């Protein structure tokens, strides 16, 4: 925060700044005990009835009474990352969506409604990349009806934490009673360092297709129906990896989708009895080397926010968080 020449903190934001990234300071504690301050940075999503709502990079909304606001200013978008590939939110969101295609989809303006008989929220949620072409309440009603006709709950996949993400939309649907259920991180990094890892890939078998044994290792495909195989097999250029185990089920598997300069890693699974043997690294290294031969140079993956072990593994491979996305379920 900046102080004025008189030593006072300066509030430089107004309700007209809703939708902009701001940094604010609020007074906490009792004045008699000494003034204490808390800083909040995020997108100003509302300023109503004397209360500011700011959505942070993580997607968490903070409400701050105007009466305790002692400083505030608009700030630029998050600083450019110093390593790894540069990408706007919309570009990366479309790449990620193509790597996990739904069985059925429909456009509602710039929103894509996706369904796959309930197999994963990603393939059964709305990807809102702009204007739905109608007022928000009308669009949300259409979404609920579309999913209800398919016997599915209505979900919106909304991103936060990067220039061009949807903090304002997240705040609007929360005010309408939609509940945030799951948060995941989209992480990106250069592809070459993954391919250059010192990993033993001699046991990794690569294929353009997968079989029942591969599916048996994949934890999200219990009792798979046709929609499961259709989603997993989809994508612009899809590769599957497996490492043989002691039985019929592989000890480790992985999936990679190459889409132009991007290589996306998914379904990296290791038998709990075979962990800490470097199998996940070997699978990703083998897939990365194949993606490099197809001309890819940048990598992405997604990991749930609470999966600390996976995040630590990907940190060591050079991945950094690009943005977060959250699945909001209709009330």
C-alpha atoms as a PDB file:
ATOM      1  CA  UNK A   1       0.000   0.000   0.000  1.00  0.00           C
ATOM      2  CA  UNK A   2       1.063   3.581  -0.584  1.00  0.00           C
ATOM      3  CA  UNK A   3       0.947   6.345   1.999  1.00  0.00           C
ATOM      4  CA  UNK A   4       0.168   9.932   1.166  1.00  0.00           C
ATOM      5  CA  UNK A   5       2.643  12.649   2.004  1.00  0.00           C
ATOM      6  CA  UNK A   6       0.695  13.296   5.199  1.00  0.00           C
ATOM      7  CA  UNK A   7       1.244   9.723   6.336  1.00  0.00           C
ATOM      8  CA  UNK A   8      -2.375   8.621   5.771  1.00  0.00           C
ATOM      9  CA  UNK A   9      -3.395   5.589   3.759  1.00  0.00           C
ATOM     10  CA  UNK A  10      -5.207   6.432   0.559  1.00  0.00           C
ATOM     11  CA  UNK A  11      -8.396   4.763  -0.778  1.00  0.00           C
ATOM     12  CA  UNK A  12      -8.275   5.012  -4.554  1.00  0.00           C
ATOM     13  CA  UNK A  13     -11.036   2.610  -5.541  1.00  0.00           C
ATOM     14  CA  UNK A  14     -14.780   3.120  -6.011  1.00  0.00           C
ATOM     15  CA  UNK A  15     -17.752   0.908  -6.956  1.00  0.00           C
ATOM     16  CA  UNK A  16     -16.918   1.758 -10.586  1.00  0.00           C
ATOM     17  CA  UNK A  17     -13.860  -0.520 -10.223  1.00  0.00           C
ATOM     18  CA  UNK A  18     -15.940  -3.702  -9.921  1.00  0.00           C
ATOM     19  CA  UNK A  19     -14.376  -6.299 -12.220  1.00  0.00           C
ATOM     20  CA  UNK A  20     -10.840  -4.958 -11.769  1.00  0.00           C
ATOM     21  CA  UNK A  21      -7.964  -6.443  -9.808  1.00  0.00           C
ATOM     22  CA  UNK A  22      -7.411  -4.496  -6.601  1.00  0.00           C
ATOM     23  CA  UNK A  23      -5.257  -4.451  -3.502  1.00  0.00           C
ATOM     24  CA  UNK A  24      -6.926  -3.257  -0.295  1.00  0.00           C
ATOM     25  CA  UNK A  25      -5.978  -2.852   3.333  1.00  0.00           C
ATOM     26  CA  UNK A  26      -8.479  -3.124   6.150  1.00  0.00           C
ATOM     27  CA  UNK A  27      -8.203  -2.240   9.819  1.00  0.00           C
ATOM     28  CA  UNK A  28      -8.477  -5.163  12.233  1.00  0.00           C
ATOM     29  CA  UNK A  29      -8.427  -5.281  16.019  1.00  0.00           C
ATOM     30  CA  UNK A  30      -9.314  -2.561  18.480  1.00  0.00           C
ATOM     31  CA  UNK A  31      -7.734   0.840  18.205  1.00  0.00           C
ATOM     32  CA  UNK A  32      -6.857   0.798  21.903  1.00  0.00           C
ATOM     33  CA  UNK A  33      -4.610  -2.191  21.340  1.00  0.00           C
ATOM     34  CA  UNK A  34      -2.824  -0.661  18.407  1.00  0.00           C
ATOM     35  CA  UNK A  35      -3.889  -0.561  14.791  1.00  0.00           C
ATOM     36  CA  UNK A  36      -3.460  -3.804  12.869  1.00  0.00           C
ATOM     37  CA  UNK A  37      -3.987  -4.259   9.169  1.00  0.00           C
ATOM     38  CA  UNK A  38      -4.849  -7.101   6.807  1.00  0.00           C
ATOM     39  CA  UNK A  39      -4.139  -6.907   3.069  1.00  0.00           C
ATOM     40  CA  UNK A  40      -6.257  -8.579   0.388  1.00  0.00           C
ATOM     41  CA  UNK A  41      -5.489  -8.841  -3.326  1.00  0.00           C
ATOM     42  CA  UNK A  42      -7.980 -10.098  -5.882  1.00  0.00           C
ATOM     43  CA  UNK A  43     -10.777  -9.095  -8.219  1.00  0.00           C
ATOM     44  CA  UNK A  44     -13.380  -6.694  -6.865  1.00  0.00           C
ATOM     45  CA  UNK A  45     -16.571  -8.584  -7.667  1.00  0.00           C
ATOM     46  CA  UNK A  46     -19.130  -6.363  -5.923  1.00  0.00           C
ATOM     47  CA  UNK A  47     -19.527  -3.258  -3.775  1.00  0.00           C
ATOM     48  CA  UNK A  48     -23.053  -3.279  -2.413  1.00  0.00           C
ATOM     49  CA  UNK A  49     -24.678  -1.868   0.723  1.00  0.00           C
ATOM     50  CA  UNK A  50     -21.342  -0.750   2.133  1.00  0.00           C
ATOM     51  CA  UNK A  51     -19.621  -4.126   1.712  1.00  0.00           C
ATOM     52  CA  UNK A  52     -16.864  -5.022  -0.784  1.00  0.00           C
ATOM     53  CA  UNK A  53     -16.495  -8.560  -2.090  1.00  0.00           C
ATOM     54  CA  UNK A  54     -13.054  -9.553  -3.393  1.00  0.00           C
ATOM     55  CA  UNK A  55     -12.347 -12.913  -5.020  1.00  0.00           C
ATOM     56  CA  UNK A  56      -8.776 -14.077  -4.473  1.00  0.00           C
ATOM     57  CA  UNK A  57      -6.654 -16.150  -6.848  1.00  0.00           C
ATOM     58  CA  UNK A  58      -7.723 -19.322  -5.025  1.00  0.00           C
ATOM     59  CA  UNK A  59     -11.386 -18.589  -5.721  1.00  0.00           C
ATOM     60  CA  UNK A  60     -12.127 -17.711  -2.098  1.00  0.00           C
ATOM     61  CA  UNK A  61     -14.314 -14.623  -1.710  1.00  0.00           C
ATOM     62  CA  UNK A  62     -13.575 -12.141   1.076  1.00  0.00           C
ATOM     63  CA  UNK A  63     -16.200  -9.650   2.255  1.00  0.00           C
ATOM     64  CA  UNK A  64     -14.902  -6.385   3.705  1.00  0.00           C
ATOM     65  CA  UNK A  65     -17.118  -3.714   5.277  1.00  0.00           C
ATOM     66  CA  UNK A  66     -16.435  -0.321   3.752  1.00  0.00           C
ATOM     67  CA  UNK A  67     -16.166   1.084   7.288  1.00  0.00           C
ATOM     68  CA  UNK A  68     -12.882  -0.768   7.960  1.00  0.00           C
ATOM     69  CA  UNK A  69     -11.304  -0.034   4.581  1.00  0.00           C
ATOM     70  CA  UNK A  70      -8.248   2.172   5.050  1.00  0.00           C
ATOM     71  CA  UNK A  71      -6.520   1.833   1.678  1.00  0.00           C
ATOM     72  CA  UNK A  72      -7.222   0.509  -1.759  1.00  0.00           C
ATOM     73  CA  UNK A  73      -5.997   0.758  -5.330  1.00  0.00           C
ATOM     74  CA  UNK A  74      -6.328  -1.020  -8.630  1.00  0.00           C
ATOM     75  CA  UNK A  75      -3.308  -3.132  -9.559  1.00  0.00           C
ATOM     76  CA  UNK A  76      -2.115  -4.724 -12.797  1.00  0.00           C
ATOM     77  CA  UNK A  77      -2.840  -8.325 -13.636  1.00  0.00           C
ATOM     78  CA  UNK A  78      -0.667 -10.875 -11.882  1.00  0.00           C
ATOM     79  CA  UNK A  79       2.978 -10.467 -12.984  1.00  0.00           C
ATOM     80  CA  UNK A  80       4.077 -12.488 -15.975  1.00  0.00           C
ATOM     81  CA  UNK A  81       5.614 -15.797 -15.052  1.00  0.00           C
ATOM     82  CA  UNK A  82       9.365 -15.866 -15.438  1.00  0.00           C
ATOM     83  CA  UNK A  83       9.667 -19.385 -16.735  1.00  0.00           C
ATOM     84  CA  UNK A  84       7.567 -21.772 -18.713  1.00  0.00           C
ATOM     85  CA  UNK A  85       5.200 -21.120 -21.595  1.00  0.00           C
ATOM     86  CA  UNK A  86       3.158 -17.960 -21.886  1.00  0.00           C
ATOM     87  CA  UNK A  87      -0.555 -18.507 -22.439  1.00  0.00           C
ATOM     88  CA  UNK A  88      -3.770 -16.591 -22.021  1.00  0.00           C
ATOM     89  CA  UNK A  89      -6.597 -18.138 -20.075  1.00  0.00           C
ATOM     90  CA  UNK A  90      -8.956 -18.620 -23.037  1.00  0.00           C
ATOM     91  CA  UNK A  91      -6.324 -20.378 -25.160  1.00  0.00           C
ATOM     92  CA  UNK A  92      -5.386 -22.794 -22.410  1.00  0.00           C
ATOM     93  CA  UNK A  93      -9.005 -23.442 -21.390  1.00  0.00           C
ATOM     94  CA  UNK A  94      -9.857 -24.514 -24.945  1.00  0.00           C
ATOM     95  CA  UNK A  95      -6.796 -26.775 -25.141  1.00  0.00           C
ATOM     96  CA  UNK A  96      -7.718 -28.421 -21.844  1.00  0.00           C
ATOM     97  CA  UNK A  97     -11.325 -28.904 -22.988  1.00  0.00           C
ATOM     98  CA  UNK A  98     -10.303 -30.532 -26.281  1.00  0.00           C
ATOM     99  CA  UNK A  99      -8.169 -33.023 -24.355  1.00  0.00           C
ATOM    100  CA  UNK A 100     -11.201 -34.329 -22.439  1.00  0.00           C
ATOM    101  CA  UNK A 101     -14.073 -34.116 -24.932  1.00  0.00           C
ATOM    102  CA  UNK A 102     -17.684 -34.723 -23.920  1.00  0.00           C
ATOM    103  CA  UNK A 103     -19.996 -37.169 -25.616  1.00  0.00           C
ATOM    104  CA  UNK A 104     -22.513 -34.409 -26.286  1.00  0.00           C
ATOM    105  CA  UNK A 105     -22.199 -30.624 -26.357  1.00  0.00           C
ATOM    106  CA  UNK A 106     -24.186 -27.525 -27.230  1.00  0.00           C
ATOM    107  CA  UNK A 107     -23.272 -23.874 -27.532  1.00  0.00           C
ATOM    108  CA  UNK A 108     -25.156 -21.245 -25.567  1.00  0.00           C
ATOM    109  CA  UNK A 109     -23.552 -18.093 -26.896  1.00  0.00           C
ATOM    110  CA  UNK A 110     -19.934 -18.374 -25.775  1.00  0.00           C
ATOM    111  CA  UNK A 111     -20.802 -21.038 -23.196  1.00  0.00           C
ATOM    112  CA  UNK A 112     -20.245 -24.700 -24.047  1.00  0.00           C
ATOM    113  CA  UNK A 113     -22.639 -27.147 -22.378  1.00  0.00           C
ATOM    114  CA  UNK A 114     -20.998 -30.574 -22.083  1.00  0.00           C
ATOM    115  CA  UNK A 115     -22.364 -33.990 -21.103  1.00  0.00           C
ATOM    116  CA  UNK A 116     -20.977 -37.518 -20.914  1.00  0.00           C
ATOM    117  CA  UNK A 117     -23.509 -39.496 -18.857  1.00  0.00           C
ATOM    118  CA  UNK A 118     -21.970 -38.165 -15.640  1.00  0.00           C
ATOM    119  CA  UNK A 119     -18.390 -39.389 -16.209  1.00  0.00           C
ATOM    120  CA  UNK A 120     -16.276 -36.683 -14.509  1.00  0.00           C
ATOM    121  CA  UNK A 121     -17.366 -33.133 -13.815  1.00  0.00           C
ATOM    122  CA  UNK A 122     -15.033 -31.872 -16.536  1.00  0.00           C
ATOM    123  CA  UNK A 123     -17.080 -33.590 -19.246  1.00  0.00           C
ATOM    124  CA  UNK A 124     -20.403 -32.789 -17.559  1.00  0.00           C
ATOM    125  CA  UNK A 125     -20.211 -29.076 -16.891  1.00  0.00           C
ATOM    126  CA  UNK A 126     -20.535 -25.758 -18.650  1.00  0.00           C
ATOM    127  CA  UNK A 127     -17.361 -24.082 -19.892  1.00  0.00           C
ATOM    128  CA  UNK A 128     -18.265 -20.365 -19.916  1.00  0.00           C
ATOM    129  CA  UNK A 129     -15.745 -18.508 -22.067  1.00  0.00           C
ATOM    130  CA  UNK A 130     -17.683 -15.303 -22.644  1.00  0.00           C
ATOM    131  CA  UNK A 131     -21.237 -14.058 -23.038  1.00  0.00           C
ATOM    132  CA  UNK A 132     -24.057 -16.644 -23.048  1.00  0.00           C
ATOM    133  CA  UNK A 133     -26.052 -14.371 -25.334  1.00  0.00           C
ATOM    134  CA  UNK A 134     -28.821 -13.766 -22.821  1.00  0.00           C
ATOM    135  CA  UNK A 135     -29.219 -12.408 -19.270  1.00  0.00           C
ATOM    136  CA  UNK A 136     -27.409 -14.461 -16.645  1.00  0.00           C
ATOM    137  CA  UNK A 137     -30.525 -15.675 -14.821  1.00  0.00           C
ATOM    138  CA  UNK A 138     -32.057 -16.822 -18.098  1.00  0.00           C
ATOM    139  CA  UNK A 139     -28.823 -18.573 -19.078  1.00  0.00           C
ATOM    140  CA  UNK A 140     -28.635 -20.382 -15.737  1.00  0.00           C
ATOM    141  CA  UNK A 141     -32.220 -21.560 -16.102  1.00  0.00           C
ATOM    142  CA  UNK A 142     -31.396 -22.920 -19.566  1.00  0.00           C
ATOM    143  CA  UNK A 143     -28.359 -24.723 -18.112  1.00  0.00           C
ATOM    144  CA  UNK A 144     -30.382 -26.335 -15.327  1.00  0.00           C
ATOM    145  CA  UNK A 145     -33.041 -27.500 -17.765  1.00  0.00           C
ATOM    146  CA  UNK A 146     -30.457 -28.854 -20.241  1.00  0.00           C
ATOM    147  CA  UNK A 147     -28.773 -31.015 -17.621  1.00  0.00           C
ATOM    148  CA  UNK A 148     -32.040 -32.052 -15.970  1.00  0.00           C
ATOM    149  CA  UNK A 149     -33.219 -33.392 -19.339  1.00  0.00           C
ATOM    150  CA  UNK A 150     -30.195 -35.693 -19.242  1.00  0.00           C
ATOM    151  CA  UNK A 151     -30.653 -36.720 -15.631  1.00  0.00           C
ATOM    152  CA  UNK A 152     -27.565 -34.816 -14.534  1.00  0.00           C
ATOM    153  CA  UNK A 153     -26.851 -32.107 -11.980  1.00  0.00           C
ATOM    154  CA  UNK A 154     -25.977 -28.717 -13.440  1.00  0.00           C
ATOM    155  CA  UNK A 155     -22.350 -27.654 -13.017  1.00  0.00           C
ATOM    156  CA  UNK A 156     -20.416 -24.588 -14.115  1.00  0.00           C
ATOM    157  CA  UNK A 157     -16.621 -24.804 -14.474  1.00  0.00           C
ATOM    158  CA  UNK A 158     -15.382 -21.338 -13.534  1.00  0.00           C
ATOM    159  CA  UNK A 159     -11.758 -20.201 -13.428  1.00  0.00           C
ATOM    160  CA  UNK A 160      -9.957 -17.722 -11.182  1.00  0.00           C
ATOM    161  CA  UNK A 161      -6.437 -16.457 -10.680  1.00  0.00           C
ATOM    162  CA  UNK A 162      -5.310 -15.253 -14.112  1.00  0.00           C
ATOM    163  CA  UNK A 163      -5.970 -12.320 -16.391  1.00  0.00           C
ATOM    164  CA  UNK A 164      -9.233 -12.977 -18.211  1.00  0.00           C
ATOM    165  CA  UNK A 165     -10.630 -15.481 -15.690  1.00  0.00           C
ATOM    166  CA  UNK A 166     -14.121 -15.346 -14.247  1.00  0.00           C
ATOM    167  CA  UNK A 167     -14.098 -14.049 -10.689  1.00  0.00           C
ATOM    168  CA  UNK A 168     -17.146 -11.874 -11.289  1.00  0.00           C
ATOM    169  CA  UNK A 169     -19.146 -14.802 -12.691  1.00  0.00           C
ATOM    170  CA  UNK A 170     -18.098 -16.949  -9.711  1.00  0.00           C
ATOM    171  CA  UNK A 171     -19.370 -14.310  -7.314  1.00  0.00           C
ATOM    172  CA  UNK A 172     -22.633 -13.925  -9.229  1.00  0.00           C
ATOM    173  CA  UNK A 173     -23.473 -17.631  -9.205  1.00  0.00           C
ATOM    174  CA  UNK A 174     -22.529 -17.946  -5.529  1.00  0.00           C
ATOM    175  CA  UNK A 175     -24.978 -15.150  -4.754  1.00  0.00           C
ATOM    176  CA  UNK A 176     -27.596 -17.208  -6.575  1.00  0.00           C
ATOM    177  CA  UNK A 177     -26.977 -20.227  -4.372  1.00  0.00           C
ATOM    178  CA  UNK A 178     -24.600 -22.282  -6.528  1.00  0.00           C
ATOM    179  CA  UNK A 179     -22.112 -24.209  -4.384  1.00  0.00           C
ATOM    180  CA  UNK A 180     -18.405 -24.600  -5.082  1.00  0.00           C
ATOM    181  CA  UNK A 181     -17.565 -28.321  -4.713  1.00  0.00           C
ATOM    182  CA  UNK A 182     -14.114 -28.985  -6.167  1.00  0.00           C
ATOM    183  CA  UNK A 183     -11.078 -26.829  -6.907  1.00  0.00           C
ATOM    184  CA  UNK A 184      -8.286 -27.915  -9.236  1.00  0.00           C
ATOM    185  CA  UNK A 185      -5.101 -26.222 -10.400  1.00  0.00           C
ATOM    186  CA  UNK A 186      -4.073 -25.982 -14.036  1.00  0.00           C
ATOM    187  CA  UNK A 187      -0.293 -26.069 -14.070  1.00  0.00           C
ATOM    188  CA  UNK A 188       1.998 -25.389 -17.012  1.00  0.00           C
ATOM    189  CA  UNK A 189       5.682 -25.739 -17.767  1.00  0.00           C
ATOM    190  CA  UNK A 190       8.173 -26.282 -20.582  1.00  0.00           C
ATOM    191  CA  UNK A 191       7.952 -29.740 -22.088  1.00  0.00           C
ATOM    192  CA  UNK A 192      11.636 -30.378 -22.830  1.00  0.00           C
ATOM    193  CA  UNK A 193      12.745 -30.625 -19.166  1.00  0.00           C
ATOM    194  CA  UNK A 194      10.136 -33.339 -18.595  1.00  0.00           C
ATOM    195  CA  UNK A 195      11.474 -35.291 -21.557  1.00  0.00           C
ATOM    196  CA  UNK A 196      15.029 -34.778 -20.290  1.00  0.00           C
ATOM    197  CA  UNK A 197      14.396 -36.260 -16.851  1.00  0.00           C
ATOM    198  CA  UNK A 198      16.786 -39.029 -15.835  1.00  0.00           C
ATOM    199  CA  UNK A 199      14.131 -41.745 -15.734  1.00  0.00           C
ATOM    200  CA  UNK A 200      14.236 -45.406 -16.682  1.00  0.00           C
ATOM    201  CA  UNK A 201      11.578 -45.652 -19.398  1.00  0.00           C
ATOM    202  CA  UNK A 202      12.520 -49.175 -20.495  1.00  0.00           C
ATOM    203  CA  UNK A 203       9.371 -50.632 -18.894  1.00  0.00           C
ATOM    204  CA  UNK A 204       7.009 -48.016 -20.334  1.00  0.00           C
ATOM    205  CA  UNK A 205       4.893 -49.201 -23.260  1.00  0.00           C
ATOM    206  CA  UNK A 206       3.231 -46.550 -25.431  1.00  0.00           C
ATOM    207  CA  UNK A 207       0.165 -47.038 -27.586  1.00  0.00           C
ATOM    208  CA  UNK A 208      -2.468 -45.083 -29.467  1.00  0.00           C
ATOM    209  CA  UNK A 209      -5.168 -47.085 -27.704  1.00  0.00           C
ATOM    210  CA  UNK A 210      -5.940 -48.522 -24.280  1.00  0.00           C
ATOM    211  CA  UNK A 211      -7.348 -51.839 -23.154  1.00  0.00           C
ATOM    212  CA  UNK A 212      -9.372 -53.203 -20.241  1.00  0.00           C
ATOM    213  CA  UNK A 213      -6.233 -53.668 -18.148  1.00  0.00           C
ATOM    214  CA  UNK A 214      -5.367 -49.968 -18.552  1.00  0.00           C
ATOM    215  CA  UNK A 215      -8.910 -49.049 -17.519  1.00  0.00           C
ATOM    216  CA  UNK A 216      -8.669 -51.316 -14.485  1.00  0.00           C
ATOM    217  CA  UNK A 217      -5.800 -49.184 -13.146  1.00  0.00           C
ATOM    218  CA  UNK A 218      -7.582 -45.891 -13.848  1.00  0.00           C
ATOM    219  CA  UNK A 219      -9.359 -45.009 -10.606  1.00  0.00           C
ATOM    220  CA  UNK A 220     -12.145 -42.956 -12.209  1.00  0.00           C
ATOM    221  CA  UNK A 221     -13.393 -45.702 -14.524  1.00  0.00           C
ATOM    222  CA  UNK A 222     -15.154 -48.147 -12.232  1.00  0.00           C
ATOM    223  CA  UNK A 223     -17.822 -50.073 -14.204  1.00  0.00           C
ATOM    224  CA  UNK A 224     -16.994 -48.166 -17.401  1.00  0.00           C
ATOM    225  CA  UNK A 225     -19.717 -47.563 -19.962  1.00  0.00           C
ATOM    226  CA  UNK A 226     -19.337 -46.437 -23.567  1.00  0.00           C
ATOM    227  CA  UNK A 227     -19.147 -42.791 -22.510  1.00  0.00           C
ATOM    228  CA  UNK A 228     -15.977 -43.526 -20.504  1.00  0.00           C
ATOM    229  CA  UNK A 229     -14.108 -45.027 -23.418  1.00  0.00           C
ATOM    230  CA  UNK A 230     -15.322 -42.248 -25.745  1.00  0.00           C
ATOM    231  CA  UNK A 231     -14.056 -39.488 -23.477  1.00  0.00           C
ATOM    232  CA  UNK A 232     -10.715 -41.160 -22.731  1.00  0.00           C
ATOM    233  CA  UNK A 233     -10.057 -41.998 -26.376  1.00  0.00           C
ATOM    234  CA  UNK A 234     -10.841 -38.458 -27.533  1.00  0.00           C
ATOM    235  CA  UNK A 235      -8.478 -35.586 -28.175  1.00  0.00           C
ATOM    236  CA  UNK A 236      -6.431 -34.297 -31.125  1.00  0.00           C
ATOM    237  CA  UNK A 237      -3.459 -36.708 -30.784  1.00  0.00           C
ATOM    238  CA  UNK A 238      -3.777 -39.096 -27.858  1.00  0.00           C
ATOM    239  CA  UNK A 239      -1.164 -41.442 -26.405  1.00  0.00           C
ATOM    240  CA  UNK A 240      -1.435 -44.007 -23.617  1.00  0.00           C
ATOM    241  CA  UNK A 241       1.363 -45.356 -21.428  1.00  0.00           C
ATOM    242  CA  UNK A 242       1.493 -48.404 -19.201  1.00  0.00           C
ATOM    243  CA  UNK A 243       4.030 -50.225 -17.054  1.00  0.00           C
ATOM    244  CA  UNK A 244       3.432 -53.934 -16.556  1.00  0.00           C
ATOM    245  CA  UNK A 245       2.771 -55.079 -13.026  1.00  0.00           C
ATOM    246  CA  UNK A 246       2.961 -58.457 -11.333  1.00  0.00           C
ATOM    247  CA  UNK A 247      -0.596 -59.308 -12.388  1.00  0.00           C
ATOM    248  CA  UNK A 248      -2.813 -58.398 -15.299  1.00  0.00           C
ATOM    249  CA  UNK A 249      -3.349 -54.808 -14.125  1.00  0.00           C
ATOM    250  CA  UNK A 250      -0.514 -52.371 -14.971  1.00  0.00           C
ATOM    251  CA  UNK A 251       1.640 -51.028 -12.174  1.00  0.00           C
ATOM    252  CA  UNK A 252       1.352 -47.551 -13.678  1.00  0.00           C
ATOM    253  CA  UNK A 253      -0.479 -45.792 -16.487  1.00  0.00           C
ATOM    254  CA  UNK A 254      -0.687 -42.363 -18.087  1.00  0.00           C
ATOM    255  CA  UNK A 255      -2.351 -40.439 -20.887  1.00  0.00           C
ATOM    256  CA  UNK A 256      -1.055 -37.553 -22.980  1.00  0.00           C
ATOM    257  CA  UNK A 257      -2.881 -35.425 -25.556  1.00  0.00           C
ATOM    258  CA  UNK A 258      -0.827 -33.406 -28.041  1.00  0.00           C
ATOM    259  CA  UNK A 259      -2.575 -30.321 -29.418  1.00  0.00           C
ATOM    260  CA  UNK A 260      -0.319 -27.982 -31.393  1.00  0.00           C
ATOM    261  CA  UNK A 261       2.374 -26.654 -29.075  1.00  0.00           C
ATOM    262  CA  UNK A 262       0.692 -28.185 -26.026  1.00  0.00           C
ATOM    263  CA  UNK A 263       1.032 -31.614 -24.436  1.00  0.00           C
ATOM    264  CA  UNK A 264      -1.454 -32.366 -21.674  1.00  0.00           C
ATOM    265  CA  UNK A 265      -0.815 -35.081 -19.075  1.00  0.00           C
ATOM    266  CA  UNK A 266      -3.733 -36.923 -17.474  1.00  0.00           C
ATOM    267  CA  UNK A 267      -4.587 -40.190 -15.738  1.00  0.00           C
ATOM    268  CA  UNK A 268      -1.137 -40.618 -14.168  1.00  0.00           C
ATOM    269  CA  UNK A 269      -1.872 -43.536 -11.838  1.00  0.00           C
ATOM    270  CA  UNK A 270       0.461 -45.835  -9.902  1.00  0.00           C
ATOM    271  CA  UNK A 271      -0.379 -48.989  -7.961  1.00  0.00           C
ATOM    272  CA  UNK A 272      -0.029 -48.051  -4.262  1.00  0.00           C
ATOM    273  CA  UNK A 273       2.226 -51.098  -3.803  1.00  0.00           C
ATOM    274  CA  UNK A 274       4.580 -49.794  -6.503  1.00  0.00           C
ATOM    275  CA  UNK A 275       4.916 -46.188  -5.389  1.00  0.00           C
ATOM    276  CA  UNK A 276       8.246 -44.482  -4.713  1.00  0.00           C
ATOM    277  CA  UNK A 277       9.855 -46.433  -7.548  1.00  0.00           C
ATOM    278  CA  UNK A 278       9.856 -43.548 -10.032  1.00  0.00           C
ATOM    279  CA  UNK A 279       7.089 -45.029 -12.179  1.00  0.00           C
ATOM    280  CA  UNK A 280       5.053 -41.807 -12.451  1.00  0.00           C
ATOM    281  CA  UNK A 281       8.162 -39.936 -13.549  1.00  0.00           C
ATOM    282  CA  UNK A 282       9.027 -42.667 -16.066  1.00  0.00           C
ATOM    283  CA  UNK A 283       5.529 -42.576 -17.548  1.00  0.00           C
ATOM    284  CA  UNK A 284       5.565 -38.791 -17.916  1.00  0.00           C
ATOM    285  CA  UNK A 285       9.075 -38.787 -19.349  1.00  0.00           C
ATOM    286  CA  UNK A 286       8.188 -41.370 -22.005  1.00  0.00           C
ATOM    287  CA  UNK A 287       5.017 -39.495 -22.955  1.00  0.00           C
ATOM    288  CA  UNK A 288       6.893 -36.166 -23.047  1.00  0.00           C
ATOM    289  CA  UNK A 289       9.537 -37.527 -25.420  1.00  0.00           C
ATOM    290  CA  UNK A 290       6.824 -38.737 -27.772  1.00  0.00           C
ATOM    291  CA  UNK A 291       5.034 -35.365 -27.605  1.00  0.00           C
ATOM    292  CA  UNK A 292       8.292 -33.588 -28.413  1.00  0.00           C
ATOM    293  CA  UNK A 293       8.624 -35.611 -31.609  1.00  0.00           C
ATOM    294  CA  UNK A 294       5.172 -34.314 -32.628  1.00  0.00           C
ATOM    295  CA  UNK A 295       6.309 -30.722 -32.239  1.00  0.00           C
ATOM    296  CA  UNK A 296       4.935 -29.886 -28.800  1.00  0.00           C
ATOM    297  CA  UNK A 297       6.992 -27.538 -26.626  1.00  0.00           C
ATOM    298  CA  UNK A 298       4.714 -26.663 -23.702  1.00  0.00           C
ATOM    299  CA  UNK A 299       3.107 -28.912 -21.101  1.00  0.00           C
ATOM    300  CA  UNK A 300       0.037 -28.677 -18.909  1.00  0.00           C
ATOM    301  CA  UNK A 301      -1.662 -30.842 -16.335  1.00  0.00           C
ATOM    302  CA  UNK A 302      -4.284 -30.474 -13.658  1.00  0.00           C
ATOM    303  CA  UNK A 303      -4.156 -31.497 -10.049  1.00  0.00           C
ATOM    304  CA  UNK A 304      -6.678 -31.140  -7.245  1.00  0.00           C
ATOM    305  CA  UNK A 305      -5.735 -28.415  -4.804  1.00  0.00           C
ATOM    306  CA  UNK A 306      -5.417 -30.722  -1.797  1.00  0.00           C
ATOM    307  CA  UNK A 307      -3.177 -33.314  -3.512  1.00  0.00           C
ATOM    308  CA  UNK A 308       0.076 -32.145  -1.937  1.00  0.00           C
ATOM    309  CA  UNK A 309       2.105 -35.205  -3.019  1.00  0.00           C
ATOM    310  CA  UNK A 310       1.269 -34.735  -6.696  1.00  0.00           C
ATOM    311  CA  UNK A 311       1.893 -31.005  -6.513  1.00  0.00           C
ATOM    312  CA  UNK A 312       5.353 -31.652  -5.036  1.00  0.00           C
ATOM    313  CA  UNK A 313       6.159 -34.112  -7.842  1.00  0.00           C
ATOM    314  CA  UNK A 314       5.122 -31.608 -10.500  1.00  0.00           C
ATOM    315  CA  UNK A 315       7.010 -28.787  -8.782  1.00  0.00           C
ATOM    316  CA  UNK A 316      10.183 -30.796  -9.326  1.00  0.00           C
ATOM    317  CA  UNK A 317       9.367 -31.101 -13.030  1.00  0.00           C
ATOM    318  CA  UNK A 318       9.079 -27.354 -13.481  1.00  0.00           C
ATOM    319  CA  UNK A 319       5.298 -26.924 -13.427  1.00  0.00           C
ATOM    320  CA  UNK A 320       3.760 -23.757 -12.009  1.00  0.00           C
ATOM    321  CA  UNK A 321       0.129 -22.865 -11.371  1.00  0.00           C
ATOM    322  CA  UNK A 322      -1.448 -20.953 -14.262  1.00  0.00           C
ATOM    323  CA  UNK A 323      -4.973 -20.652 -12.849  1.00  0.00           C
ATOM    324  CA  UNK A 324      -7.499 -22.459 -10.690  1.00  0.00           C
ATOM    325  CA  UNK A 325     -10.869 -23.741 -11.738  1.00  0.00           C
ATOM    326  CA  UNK A 326     -13.871 -24.597  -9.611  1.00  0.00           C
ATOM    327  CA  UNK A 327     -16.994 -26.631 -10.232  1.00  0.00           C
ATOM    328  CA  UNK A 328     -20.104 -24.836  -9.000  1.00  0.00           C
ATOM    329  CA  UNK A 329     -23.224 -26.966  -8.590  1.00  0.00           C
ATOM    330  CA  UNK A 330     -26.704 -25.553  -8.985  1.00  0.00           C
ATOM    331  CA  UNK A 331     -28.752 -25.137  -5.842  1.00  0.00           C
END
